[in-house]
Structure formats: structure tokens, C-alpha cells
């Protein structure tokens, strides 16, 4: 491929065949090694120039690179992963991560200045979650923590309970106030809250995390908004605070209700995004 590119760029006639490829490969390797700059990694390979010549003359034994052994999810490898920083949050792949990373540059979009991040491993699928992505209310210290991959929780009929008696039957005014205060005081991290404060961090995530459909009737949604406004003291005239109610508080309340029923935060995010009845 490299030779073809070279010939095309030089507008030259192809004067080699497939039978010449072994020699061309050796020539290309020698060319790279002889012209490698003597800095950084170049110093490591600089001595190979003479050895490559001996290799071509048959005076040096070739070096073979062995394939790496596959890393299976065993208890031993789990310990190695725990000791390293090469972990990937399962919520990051689904773009529900509290510390979401950019797919293009590989850096954190949300909460980039947080240095210490706690992790928890699912003992079933061996996957990793940030403690924030598992949910602060989750018993992540349990030796048998499950991210939800092996459970099939039945519907708790939360929607029906809200429709019958209102939001306060499943989430009290005191809980709404505590959640609001925890978010404002940064005692609880939220991907939606960060994007509400820093909307330019990711326009895509802003749209991705918005509720595409409300699981409750218009009447109950109106009542929920009224309760949130009264408890938090938010004024209707402030359009930015209205966005806070719709884009942050409302989904965070639903997530907290689902977590109280035994779901992890990631599970709650998936349930909300899928529009599944709960």
C-alpha cells in the first residue's frame, strides 16, 4: 500500500510485482530505521540500522513478536483493572455518564476538574460504573453489587400511583427540597445540572438527555411543576429557571423515584430513554 501511494504521488509507472513485496518490505523497514530521528523513541531503535543489515545478510536471527494473551474477566484480571486507571464506565458508552467523555478527543466533557472519581464493579458482568453513575443511594459497598444486567425487575406501577394520587404520593415535598438543595450545593452530581449551568459543554448531550416524552398526563405534569416551583422558590418569569425545572428537576425526580425502587441510576436513565412503563 505504501509503495502504491509513493508511485501514485510521483506519477510513476508501476515496475514491481507481488513477487517483489518481500524485498520491498525489507527496504521500507531499513529506510524507516535509517532515517529515524535520534530523539525520544528514535534512540531506542537507532542501533537497529547495522543489525538490520546483518539480518538481510543472514548473520542475525530475526525477532518475532508474540501475540498478546486475551484478557478474560477473571478475578485476577479484575484486581489488575482495579489497580489501573484504564477503566471505562458503562454509562459512558450509552452517553448517560456523569463524567461523560468526548468520543472524538477522549476527554471529559462533564466535570472535567474532578480529580478523584470513585468506581464500583458489577460482580455479574464485571463492568465498571462510576459511583455517581450507579447512584449515591445504591449499596455499592455490597460484595454482590449488580448494575442490573442480571435482574428483571417488575414494573412498580409508579406512573399509575402518580396518576391516581399525584407526585407527592411517591416523592414528598421534603424530598423535592432536599434534592434541589443537594443539586445546588453540588452534594449530588448531575449530568443535566452541569449542562444547564454550562450549556456550551455539549449541544449533543443537551438534546440527548432531554425528556422526549413525559410519562405522566399533562394534568400531573402541571401539578409536579407547581410543586417544584413552590418548594424551590423558582419564579415563573425566569425562563432559565423554567429550563431548570423541565430539564433538570423533573428527570432527576423520576430518576430518584426509580432508584428508591432498587434501580441503579444507569438503569433509571435507560428506562426513561426507552419510554418503558414503570
C-alpha atoms as a PDB file:
ATOM      1  CA  UNK A   1       0.000   0.000   0.000  1.00  0.00           C
ATOM      2  CA  UNK A   2       2.809   2.419   0.914  1.00  0.00           C
ATOM      3  CA  UNK A   3       4.643   1.636  -2.314  1.00  0.00           C
ATOM      4  CA  UNK A   4       1.480   2.165  -4.334  1.00  0.00           C
ATOM      5  CA  UNK A   5       0.945   5.518  -2.616  1.00  0.00           C
ATOM      6  CA  UNK A   6       4.549   6.512  -3.341  1.00  0.00           C
ATOM      7  CA  UNK A   7       4.278   5.615  -7.041  1.00  0.00           C
ATOM      8  CA  UNK A   8       0.921   7.365  -7.425  1.00  0.00           C
ATOM      9  CA  UNK A   9       2.178  10.551  -5.746  1.00  0.00           C
ATOM     10  CA  UNK A  10       5.270  10.543  -8.017  1.00  0.00           C
ATOM     11  CA  UNK A  11       3.119   9.766 -11.073  1.00  0.00           C
ATOM     12  CA  UNK A  12       5.483   6.889 -11.874  1.00  0.00           C
ATOM     13  CA  UNK A  13       4.852   3.661 -13.770  1.00  0.00           C
ATOM     14  CA  UNK A  14       4.376   0.574 -11.630  1.00  0.00           C
ATOM     15  CA  UNK A  15       7.504  -1.504 -12.269  1.00  0.00           C
ATOM     16  CA  UNK A  16       7.141  -4.085  -9.486  1.00  0.00           C
ATOM     17  CA  UNK A  17       5.003  -7.181  -8.966  1.00  0.00           C
ATOM     18  CA  UNK A  18       3.643  -9.073  -5.997  1.00  0.00           C
ATOM     19  CA  UNK A  19       6.769 -11.245  -6.059  1.00  0.00           C
ATOM     20  CA  UNK A  20       8.878  -8.181  -5.182  1.00  0.00           C
ATOM     21  CA  UNK A  21       6.919  -7.444  -1.978  1.00  0.00           C
ATOM     22  CA  UNK A  22       9.250  -9.278   0.496  1.00  0.00           C
ATOM     23  CA  UNK A  23      12.235  -7.251  -0.715  1.00  0.00           C
ATOM     24  CA  UNK A  24      10.224  -4.046  -0.729  1.00  0.00           C
ATOM     25  CA  UNK A  25       9.102  -4.630   2.847  1.00  0.00           C
ATOM     26  CA  UNK A  26      12.717  -5.107   3.977  1.00  0.00           C
ATOM     27  CA  UNK A  27      13.780  -1.989   2.075  1.00  0.00           C
ATOM     28  CA  UNK A  28      10.980   0.035   3.633  1.00  0.00           C
ATOM     29  CA  UNK A  29      11.892  -1.115   7.154  1.00  0.00           C
ATOM     30  CA  UNK A  30      15.551  -0.213   6.584  1.00  0.00           C
ATOM     31  CA  UNK A  31      14.552   3.190   5.213  1.00  0.00           C
ATOM     32  CA  UNK A  32      12.461   3.963   8.280  1.00  0.00           C
ATOM     33  CA  UNK A  33      15.124   2.812  10.700  1.00  0.00           C
ATOM     34  CA  UNK A  34      17.980   4.652   8.981  1.00  0.00           C
ATOM     35  CA  UNK A  35      16.054   7.912   8.794  1.00  0.00           C
ATOM     36  CA  UNK A  36      14.551   7.743  12.279  1.00  0.00           C
ATOM     37  CA  UNK A  37      15.373  10.924  14.197  1.00  0.00           C
ATOM     38  CA  UNK A  38      17.733  10.363  17.135  1.00  0.00           C
ATOM     39  CA  UNK A  39      15.328  11.696  19.772  1.00  0.00           C
ATOM     40  CA  UNK A  40      12.721  10.146  22.054  1.00  0.00           C
ATOM     41  CA  UNK A  41      11.992   6.642  20.769  1.00  0.00           C
ATOM     42  CA  UNK A  42      14.497   7.059  17.951  1.00  0.00           C
ATOM     43  CA  UNK A  43      17.331   6.493  20.412  1.00  0.00           C
ATOM     44  CA  UNK A  44      15.872   3.123  21.287  1.00  0.00           C
ATOM     45  CA  UNK A  45      15.837   1.932  17.667  1.00  0.00           C
ATOM     46  CA  UNK A  46      18.966   3.684  16.388  1.00  0.00           C
ATOM     47  CA  UNK A  47      21.182   0.614  16.961  1.00  0.00           C
ATOM     48  CA  UNK A  48      18.961  -1.424  14.620  1.00  0.00           C
ATOM     49  CA  UNK A  49      20.474   0.021  11.433  1.00  0.00           C
ATOM     50  CA  UNK A  50      23.512  -2.276  11.440  1.00  0.00           C
ATOM     51  CA  UNK A  51      21.545  -5.184  12.861  1.00  0.00           C
ATOM     52  CA  UNK A  52      19.014  -4.926  10.030  1.00  0.00           C
ATOM     53  CA  UNK A  53      21.853  -5.166   7.514  1.00  0.00           C
ATOM     54  CA  UNK A  54      23.139  -8.279   9.288  1.00  0.00           C
ATOM     55  CA  UNK A  55      19.590  -9.636   9.270  1.00  0.00           C
ATOM     56  CA  UNK A  56      19.377  -9.249   5.485  1.00  0.00           C
ATOM     57  CA  UNK A  57      22.783 -10.931   5.119  1.00  0.00           C
ATOM     58  CA  UNK A  58      21.602 -13.870   7.189  1.00  0.00           C
ATOM     59  CA  UNK A  59      24.011 -13.123  10.041  1.00  0.00           C
ATOM     60  CA  UNK A  60      21.342 -12.215  12.580  1.00  0.00           C
ATOM     61  CA  UNK A  61      18.367 -14.155  13.878  1.00  0.00           C
ATOM     62  CA  UNK A  62      15.001 -12.461  13.228  1.00  0.00           C
ATOM     63  CA  UNK A  63      12.903 -11.152  16.124  1.00  0.00           C
ATOM     64  CA  UNK A  64       9.370 -12.442  16.363  1.00  0.00           C
ATOM     65  CA  UNK A  65       6.597 -10.594  18.164  1.00  0.00           C
ATOM     66  CA  UNK A  66       4.340 -12.843  20.189  1.00  0.00           C
ATOM     67  CA  UNK A  67       0.614 -12.218  20.243  1.00  0.00           C
ATOM     68  CA  UNK A  68      -0.807 -10.897  23.490  1.00  0.00           C
ATOM     69  CA  UNK A  69      -2.878 -13.300  25.521  1.00  0.00           C
ATOM     70  CA  UNK A  70      -6.537 -12.382  25.656  1.00  0.00           C
ATOM     71  CA  UNK A  71      -7.545 -10.705  28.898  1.00  0.00           C
ATOM     72  CA  UNK A  72     -10.587 -12.505  30.237  1.00  0.00           C
ATOM     73  CA  UNK A  73     -12.787 -11.118  33.001  1.00  0.00           C
ATOM     74  CA  UNK A  74     -11.477 -13.309  35.809  1.00  0.00           C
ATOM     75  CA  UNK A  75     -10.986 -12.395  39.450  1.00  0.00           C
ATOM     76  CA  UNK A  76      -7.261 -11.897  38.793  1.00  0.00           C
ATOM     77  CA  UNK A  77      -7.801  -9.501  35.908  1.00  0.00           C
ATOM     78  CA  UNK A  78     -10.426  -7.634  37.914  1.00  0.00           C
ATOM     79  CA  UNK A  79      -7.783  -6.911  40.556  1.00  0.00           C
ATOM     80  CA  UNK A  80      -5.387  -5.685  37.869  1.00  0.00           C
ATOM     81  CA  UNK A  81      -8.052  -3.410  36.430  1.00  0.00           C
ATOM     82  CA  UNK A  82      -8.812  -2.068  39.880  1.00  0.00           C
ATOM     83  CA  UNK A  83      -5.170  -1.064  40.239  1.00  0.00           C
ATOM     84  CA  UNK A  84      -5.113   0.780  36.923  1.00  0.00           C
ATOM     85  CA  UNK A  85      -6.874   3.832  35.594  1.00  0.00           C
ATOM     86  CA  UNK A  86      -7.795   2.150  32.311  1.00  0.00           C
ATOM     87  CA  UNK A  87     -11.470   1.794  33.176  1.00  0.00           C
ATOM     88  CA  UNK A  88     -14.473   2.603  31.049  1.00  0.00           C
ATOM     89  CA  UNK A  89     -17.787   3.470  32.626  1.00  0.00           C
ATOM     90  CA  UNK A  90     -20.679   1.521  31.114  1.00  0.00           C
ATOM     91  CA  UNK A  91     -22.806   4.663  31.291  1.00  0.00           C
ATOM     92  CA  UNK A  92     -20.254   6.482  29.116  1.00  0.00           C
ATOM     93  CA  UNK A  93     -20.936   4.146  26.180  1.00  0.00           C
ATOM     94  CA  UNK A  94     -24.670   4.939  26.407  1.00  0.00           C
ATOM     95  CA  UNK A  95     -23.896   8.637  26.936  1.00  0.00           C
ATOM     96  CA  UNK A  96     -25.576   8.775  30.336  1.00  0.00           C
ATOM     97  CA  UNK A  97     -22.321   9.135  32.279  1.00  0.00           C
ATOM     98  CA  UNK A  98     -21.981  11.827  34.952  1.00  0.00           C
ATOM     99  CA  UNK A  99     -18.380  12.271  33.751  1.00  0.00           C
ATOM    100  CA  UNK A 100     -19.181  11.835  30.049  1.00  0.00           C
ATOM    101  CA  UNK A 101     -16.188  11.854  27.722  1.00  0.00           C
ATOM    102  CA  UNK A 102     -15.985  13.163  24.189  1.00  0.00           C
ATOM    103  CA  UNK A 103     -15.793  10.383  21.602  1.00  0.00           C
ATOM    104  CA  UNK A 104     -13.611  12.468  19.330  1.00  0.00           C
ATOM    105  CA  UNK A 105     -10.955  13.726  21.763  1.00  0.00           C
ATOM    106  CA  UNK A 106     -11.382  11.214  24.597  1.00  0.00           C
ATOM    107  CA  UNK A 107     -11.522  13.896  27.286  1.00  0.00           C
ATOM    108  CA  UNK A 108     -14.183  14.563  29.848  1.00  0.00           C
ATOM    109  CA  UNK A 109     -16.967  16.913  28.818  1.00  0.00           C
ATOM    110  CA  UNK A 110     -18.728  16.917  32.175  1.00  0.00           C
ATOM    111  CA  UNK A 111     -16.996  17.714  35.465  1.00  0.00           C
ATOM    112  CA  UNK A 112     -13.504  17.794  33.901  1.00  0.00           C
ATOM    113  CA  UNK A 113     -11.967  19.334  37.034  1.00  0.00           C
ATOM    114  CA  UNK A 114     -12.987  16.490  39.359  1.00  0.00           C
ATOM    115  CA  UNK A 115      -9.741  14.644  40.143  1.00  0.00           C
ATOM    116  CA  UNK A 116     -10.913  11.848  42.435  1.00  0.00           C
ATOM    117  CA  UNK A 117     -13.624   9.599  40.991  1.00  0.00           C
ATOM    118  CA  UNK A 118     -14.969   6.561  42.831  1.00  0.00           C
ATOM    119  CA  UNK A 119     -15.684   3.327  40.964  1.00  0.00           C
ATOM    120  CA  UNK A 120     -17.762   0.224  41.580  1.00  0.00           C
ATOM    121  CA  UNK A 121     -17.594  -3.073  39.660  1.00  0.00           C
ATOM    122  CA  UNK A 122     -20.583  -5.253  38.831  1.00  0.00           C
ATOM    123  CA  UNK A 123     -19.876  -8.726  40.199  1.00  0.00           C
ATOM    124  CA  UNK A 124     -22.003 -10.274  37.437  1.00  0.00           C
ATOM    125  CA  UNK A 125     -20.858  -8.751  34.136  1.00  0.00           C
ATOM    126  CA  UNK A 126     -17.539  -7.380  35.528  1.00  0.00           C
ATOM    127  CA  UNK A 127     -18.356  -3.980  34.064  1.00  0.00           C
ATOM    128  CA  UNK A 128     -17.399  -0.718  35.773  1.00  0.00           C
ATOM    129  CA  UNK A 129     -19.567   2.203  36.826  1.00  0.00           C
ATOM    130  CA  UNK A 130     -18.710   5.466  38.478  1.00  0.00           C
ATOM    131  CA  UNK A 131     -20.347   5.538  41.905  1.00  0.00           C
ATOM    132  CA  UNK A 132     -22.192   8.649  40.710  1.00  0.00           C
ATOM    133  CA  UNK A 133     -23.491   6.711  37.681  1.00  0.00           C
ATOM    134  CA  UNK A 134     -24.541   3.803  39.900  1.00  0.00           C
ATOM    135  CA  UNK A 135     -26.407   6.217  42.166  1.00  0.00           C
ATOM    136  CA  UNK A 136     -25.477   7.578  45.570  1.00  0.00           C
ATOM    137  CA  UNK A 137     -28.374   5.696  47.145  1.00  0.00           C
ATOM    138  CA  UNK A 138     -27.109   2.415  45.705  1.00  0.00           C
ATOM    139  CA  UNK A 139     -25.493  -0.002  48.167  1.00  0.00           C
ATOM    140  CA  UNK A 140     -22.296  -0.016  46.112  1.00  0.00           C
ATOM    141  CA  UNK A 141     -20.253  -1.319  49.045  1.00  0.00           C
ATOM    142  CA  UNK A 142     -22.115  -4.616  48.891  1.00  0.00           C
ATOM    143  CA  UNK A 143     -19.981  -7.546  47.779  1.00  0.00           C
ATOM    144  CA  UNK A 144     -22.743  -8.586  45.391  1.00  0.00           C
ATOM    145  CA  UNK A 145     -23.363  -5.280  43.649  1.00  0.00           C
ATOM    146  CA  UNK A 146     -25.208  -5.662  40.336  1.00  0.00           C
ATOM    147  CA  UNK A 147     -25.551  -2.965  37.716  1.00  0.00           C
ATOM    148  CA  UNK A 148     -28.902  -4.514  36.771  1.00  0.00           C
ATOM    149  CA  UNK A 149     -27.605  -6.759  33.984  1.00  0.00           C
ATOM    150  CA  UNK A 150     -28.964  -9.923  35.630  1.00  0.00           C
ATOM    151  CA  UNK A 151     -32.186  -8.588  37.103  1.00  0.00           C
ATOM    152  CA  UNK A 152     -35.616  -8.303  35.610  1.00  0.00           C
ATOM    153  CA  UNK A 153     -37.460  -6.005  37.965  1.00  0.00           C
ATOM    154  CA  UNK A 154     -41.191  -5.934  37.509  1.00  0.00           C
ATOM    155  CA  UNK A 155     -42.989  -2.669  36.944  1.00  0.00           C
ATOM    156  CA  UNK A 156     -43.654  -0.931  40.246  1.00  0.00           C
ATOM    157  CA  UNK A 157     -46.588   0.968  38.711  1.00  0.00           C
ATOM    158  CA  UNK A 158     -45.134   4.326  39.722  1.00  0.00           C
ATOM    159  CA  UNK A 159     -46.889   6.065  36.840  1.00  0.00           C
ATOM    160  CA  UNK A 160     -50.244   4.662  37.980  1.00  0.00           C
ATOM    161  CA  UNK A 161     -49.584   5.806  41.561  1.00  0.00           C
ATOM    162  CA  UNK A 162     -48.771   9.334  40.383  1.00  0.00           C
ATOM    163  CA  UNK A 163     -51.826   9.457  38.128  1.00  0.00           C
ATOM    164  CA  UNK A 164     -54.069   8.319  40.966  1.00  0.00           C
ATOM    165  CA  UNK A 165     -52.744  10.416  43.839  1.00  0.00           C
ATOM    166  CA  UNK A 166     -50.229  12.917  42.465  1.00  0.00           C
ATOM    167  CA  UNK A 167     -46.439  13.180  42.666  1.00  0.00           C
ATOM    168  CA  UNK A 168     -46.435  13.657  46.448  1.00  0.00           C
ATOM    169  CA  UNK A 169     -47.618  10.068  46.922  1.00  0.00           C
ATOM    170  CA  UNK A 170     -44.232   8.786  45.683  1.00  0.00           C
ATOM    171  CA  UNK A 171     -41.940  11.813  46.209  1.00  0.00           C
ATOM    172  CA  UNK A 172     -42.688  14.221  49.051  1.00  0.00           C
ATOM    173  CA  UNK A 173     -42.206  17.982  49.180  1.00  0.00           C
ATOM    174  CA  UNK A 174     -39.354  17.444  51.632  1.00  0.00           C
ATOM    175  CA  UNK A 175     -37.620  15.088  49.175  1.00  0.00           C
ATOM    176  CA  UNK A 176     -38.040  17.659  46.386  1.00  0.00           C
ATOM    177  CA  UNK A 177     -36.447  20.337  48.610  1.00  0.00           C
ATOM    178  CA  UNK A 178     -33.559  18.048  49.622  1.00  0.00           C
ATOM    179  CA  UNK A 179     -32.882  17.084  46.000  1.00  0.00           C
ATOM    180  CA  UNK A 180     -32.929  20.727  44.889  1.00  0.00           C
ATOM    181  CA  UNK A 181     -30.565  21.776  47.696  1.00  0.00           C
ATOM    182  CA  UNK A 182     -28.205  18.839  47.034  1.00  0.00           C
ATOM    183  CA  UNK A 183     -28.015  19.755  43.352  1.00  0.00           C
ATOM    184  CA  UNK A 184     -27.466  23.458  44.002  1.00  0.00           C
ATOM    185  CA  UNK A 185     -24.821  22.796  46.666  1.00  0.00           C
ATOM    186  CA  UNK A 186     -23.089  20.155  44.468  1.00  0.00           C
ATOM    187  CA  UNK A 187     -23.586  17.438  47.071  1.00  0.00           C
ATOM    188  CA  UNK A 188     -25.072  15.369  44.252  1.00  0.00           C
ATOM    189  CA  UNK A 189     -23.579  15.473  40.760  1.00  0.00           C
ATOM    190  CA  UNK A 190     -25.914  15.502  37.775  1.00  0.00           C
ATOM    191  CA  UNK A 191     -25.111  15.457  34.059  1.00  0.00           C
ATOM    192  CA  UNK A 192     -28.220  17.532  33.403  1.00  0.00           C
ATOM    193  CA  UNK A 193     -27.368  20.124  36.037  1.00  0.00           C
ATOM    194  CA  UNK A 194     -23.845  20.541  34.646  1.00  0.00           C
ATOM    195  CA  UNK A 195     -25.239  21.067  31.138  1.00  0.00           C
ATOM    196  CA  UNK A 196     -27.829  23.513  32.467  1.00  0.00           C
ATOM    197  CA  UNK A 197     -25.013  25.539  34.010  1.00  0.00           C
ATOM    198  CA  UNK A 198     -22.610  25.011  31.092  1.00  0.00           C
ATOM    199  CA  UNK A 199     -24.843  24.534  28.004  1.00  0.00           C
ATOM    200  CA  UNK A 200     -21.917  25.026  25.611  1.00  0.00           C
ATOM    201  CA  UNK A 201     -20.138  21.949  27.030  1.00  0.00           C
ATOM    202  CA  UNK A 202     -22.028  19.711  24.603  1.00  0.00           C
ATOM    203  CA  UNK A 203     -25.018  20.650  22.470  1.00  0.00           C
ATOM    204  CA  UNK A 204     -25.448  16.994  21.531  1.00  0.00           C
ATOM    205  CA  UNK A 205     -25.684  15.832  25.157  1.00  0.00           C
ATOM    206  CA  UNK A 206     -28.100  18.656  25.887  1.00  0.00           C
ATOM    207  CA  UNK A 207     -30.504  17.197  23.333  1.00  0.00           C
ATOM    208  CA  UNK A 208     -29.691  13.573  24.158  1.00  0.00           C
ATOM    209  CA  UNK A 209     -30.651  13.953  27.836  1.00  0.00           C
ATOM    210  CA  UNK A 210     -33.881  15.882  27.302  1.00  0.00           C
ATOM    211  CA  UNK A 211     -37.120  14.030  28.058  1.00  0.00           C
ATOM    212  CA  UNK A 212     -38.551  13.103  24.671  1.00  0.00           C
ATOM    213  CA  UNK A 213     -41.862  12.148  26.178  1.00  0.00           C
ATOM    214  CA  UNK A 214     -43.340  12.739  29.603  1.00  0.00           C
ATOM    215  CA  UNK A 215     -44.570   9.545  31.280  1.00  0.00           C
ATOM    216  CA  UNK A 216     -47.378  11.383  33.074  1.00  0.00           C
ATOM    217  CA  UNK A 217     -50.517  13.147  31.920  1.00  0.00           C
ATOM    218  CA  UNK A 218     -50.498  16.890  31.275  1.00  0.00           C
ATOM    219  CA  UNK A 219     -52.501  17.475  34.464  1.00  0.00           C
ATOM    220  CA  UNK A 220     -49.980  15.605  36.630  1.00  0.00           C
ATOM    221  CA  UNK A 221     -47.038  17.279  34.892  1.00  0.00           C
ATOM    222  CA  UNK A 222     -48.585  20.676  35.629  1.00  0.00           C
ATOM    223  CA  UNK A 223     -49.068  19.688  39.284  1.00  0.00           C
ATOM    224  CA  UNK A 224     -45.462  18.453  39.508  1.00  0.00           C
ATOM    225  CA  UNK A 225     -44.141  21.721  38.059  1.00  0.00           C
ATOM    226  CA  UNK A 226     -46.265  23.704  40.500  1.00  0.00           C
ATOM    227  CA  UNK A 227     -44.948  21.683  43.452  1.00  0.00           C
ATOM    228  CA  UNK A 228     -41.343  22.131  42.285  1.00  0.00           C
ATOM    229  CA  UNK A 229     -41.815  25.884  41.845  1.00  0.00           C
ATOM    230  CA  UNK A 230     -43.361  26.281  45.303  1.00  0.00           C
ATOM    231  CA  UNK A 231     -40.796  24.139  47.125  1.00  0.00           C
ATOM    232  CA  UNK A 232     -37.732  25.613  45.386  1.00  0.00           C
ATOM    233  CA  UNK A 233     -38.984  29.206  45.219  1.00  0.00           C
ATOM    234  CA  UNK A 234     -38.412  29.416  41.453  1.00  0.00           C
ATOM    235  CA  UNK A 235     -40.201  32.261  39.709  1.00  0.00           C
ATOM    236  CA  UNK A 236     -42.128  31.561  36.519  1.00  0.00           C
ATOM    237  CA  UNK A 237     -40.846  34.750  34.883  1.00  0.00           C
ATOM    238  CA  UNK A 238     -37.256  33.497  34.886  1.00  0.00           C
ATOM    239  CA  UNK A 239     -37.084  31.453  31.674  1.00  0.00           C
ATOM    240  CA  UNK A 240     -33.725  29.952  32.572  1.00  0.00           C
ATOM    241  CA  UNK A 241     -35.117  28.598  35.831  1.00  0.00           C
ATOM    242  CA  UNK A 242     -38.057  27.138  33.917  1.00  0.00           C
ATOM    243  CA  UNK A 243     -35.483  25.192  31.891  1.00  0.00           C
ATOM    244  CA  UNK A 244     -34.026  24.037  35.210  1.00  0.00           C
ATOM    245  CA  UNK A 245     -37.426  22.681  36.249  1.00  0.00           C
ATOM    246  CA  UNK A 246     -38.081  20.872  32.940  1.00  0.00           C
ATOM    247  CA  UNK A 247     -34.567  19.739  32.016  1.00  0.00           C
ATOM    248  CA  UNK A 248     -33.070  19.066  35.458  1.00  0.00           C
ATOM    249  CA  UNK A 249     -35.524  18.715  38.350  1.00  0.00           C
ATOM    250  CA  UNK A 250     -38.261  16.754  36.579  1.00  0.00           C
ATOM    251  CA  UNK A 251     -35.985  13.995  35.177  1.00  0.00           C
ATOM    252  CA  UNK A 252     -33.905  13.919  38.391  1.00  0.00           C
ATOM    253  CA  UNK A 253     -37.068  13.359  40.442  1.00  0.00           C
ATOM    254  CA  UNK A 254     -38.066  10.440  38.185  1.00  0.00           C
ATOM    255  CA  UNK A 255     -34.537   9.001  38.452  1.00  0.00           C
ATOM    256  CA  UNK A 256     -34.625   9.258  42.261  1.00  0.00           C
ATOM    257  CA  UNK A 257     -38.028   7.563  42.386  1.00  0.00           C
ATOM    258  CA  UNK A 258     -36.701   4.669  40.284  1.00  0.00           C
ATOM    259  CA  UNK A 259     -33.526   4.414  42.390  1.00  0.00           C
ATOM    260  CA  UNK A 260     -35.675   4.208  45.512  1.00  0.00           C
ATOM    261  CA  UNK A 261     -37.305   1.152  43.912  1.00  0.00           C
ATOM    262  CA  UNK A 262     -33.918  -0.611  43.647  1.00  0.00           C
ATOM    263  CA  UNK A 263     -32.702   0.507  40.211  1.00  0.00           C
ATOM    264  CA  UNK A 264     -29.259   1.950  39.619  1.00  0.00           C
ATOM    265  CA  UNK A 265     -29.045   5.424  38.146  1.00  0.00           C
ATOM    266  CA  UNK A 266     -27.921   3.957  34.817  1.00  0.00           C
ATOM    267  CA  UNK A 267     -30.952   1.643  34.786  1.00  0.00           C
ATOM    268  CA  UNK A 268     -33.212   4.603  35.527  1.00  0.00           C
ATOM    269  CA  UNK A 269     -31.684   6.563  32.636  1.00  0.00           C
ATOM    270  CA  UNK A 270     -32.262   3.649  30.254  1.00  0.00           C
ATOM    271  CA  UNK A 271     -35.874   3.202  31.433  1.00  0.00           C
ATOM    272  CA  UNK A 272     -36.632   6.893  30.909  1.00  0.00           C
ATOM    273  CA  UNK A 273     -34.965   6.969  27.465  1.00  0.00           C
ATOM    274  CA  UNK A 274     -36.802   3.834  26.303  1.00  0.00           C
ATOM    275  CA  UNK A 275     -40.206   5.168  27.340  1.00  0.00           C
ATOM    276  CA  UNK A 276     -40.883   1.931  29.207  1.00  0.00           C
ATOM    277  CA  UNK A 277     -43.806   1.836  31.622  1.00  0.00           C
ATOM    278  CA  UNK A 278     -42.688   1.950  35.241  1.00  0.00           C
END
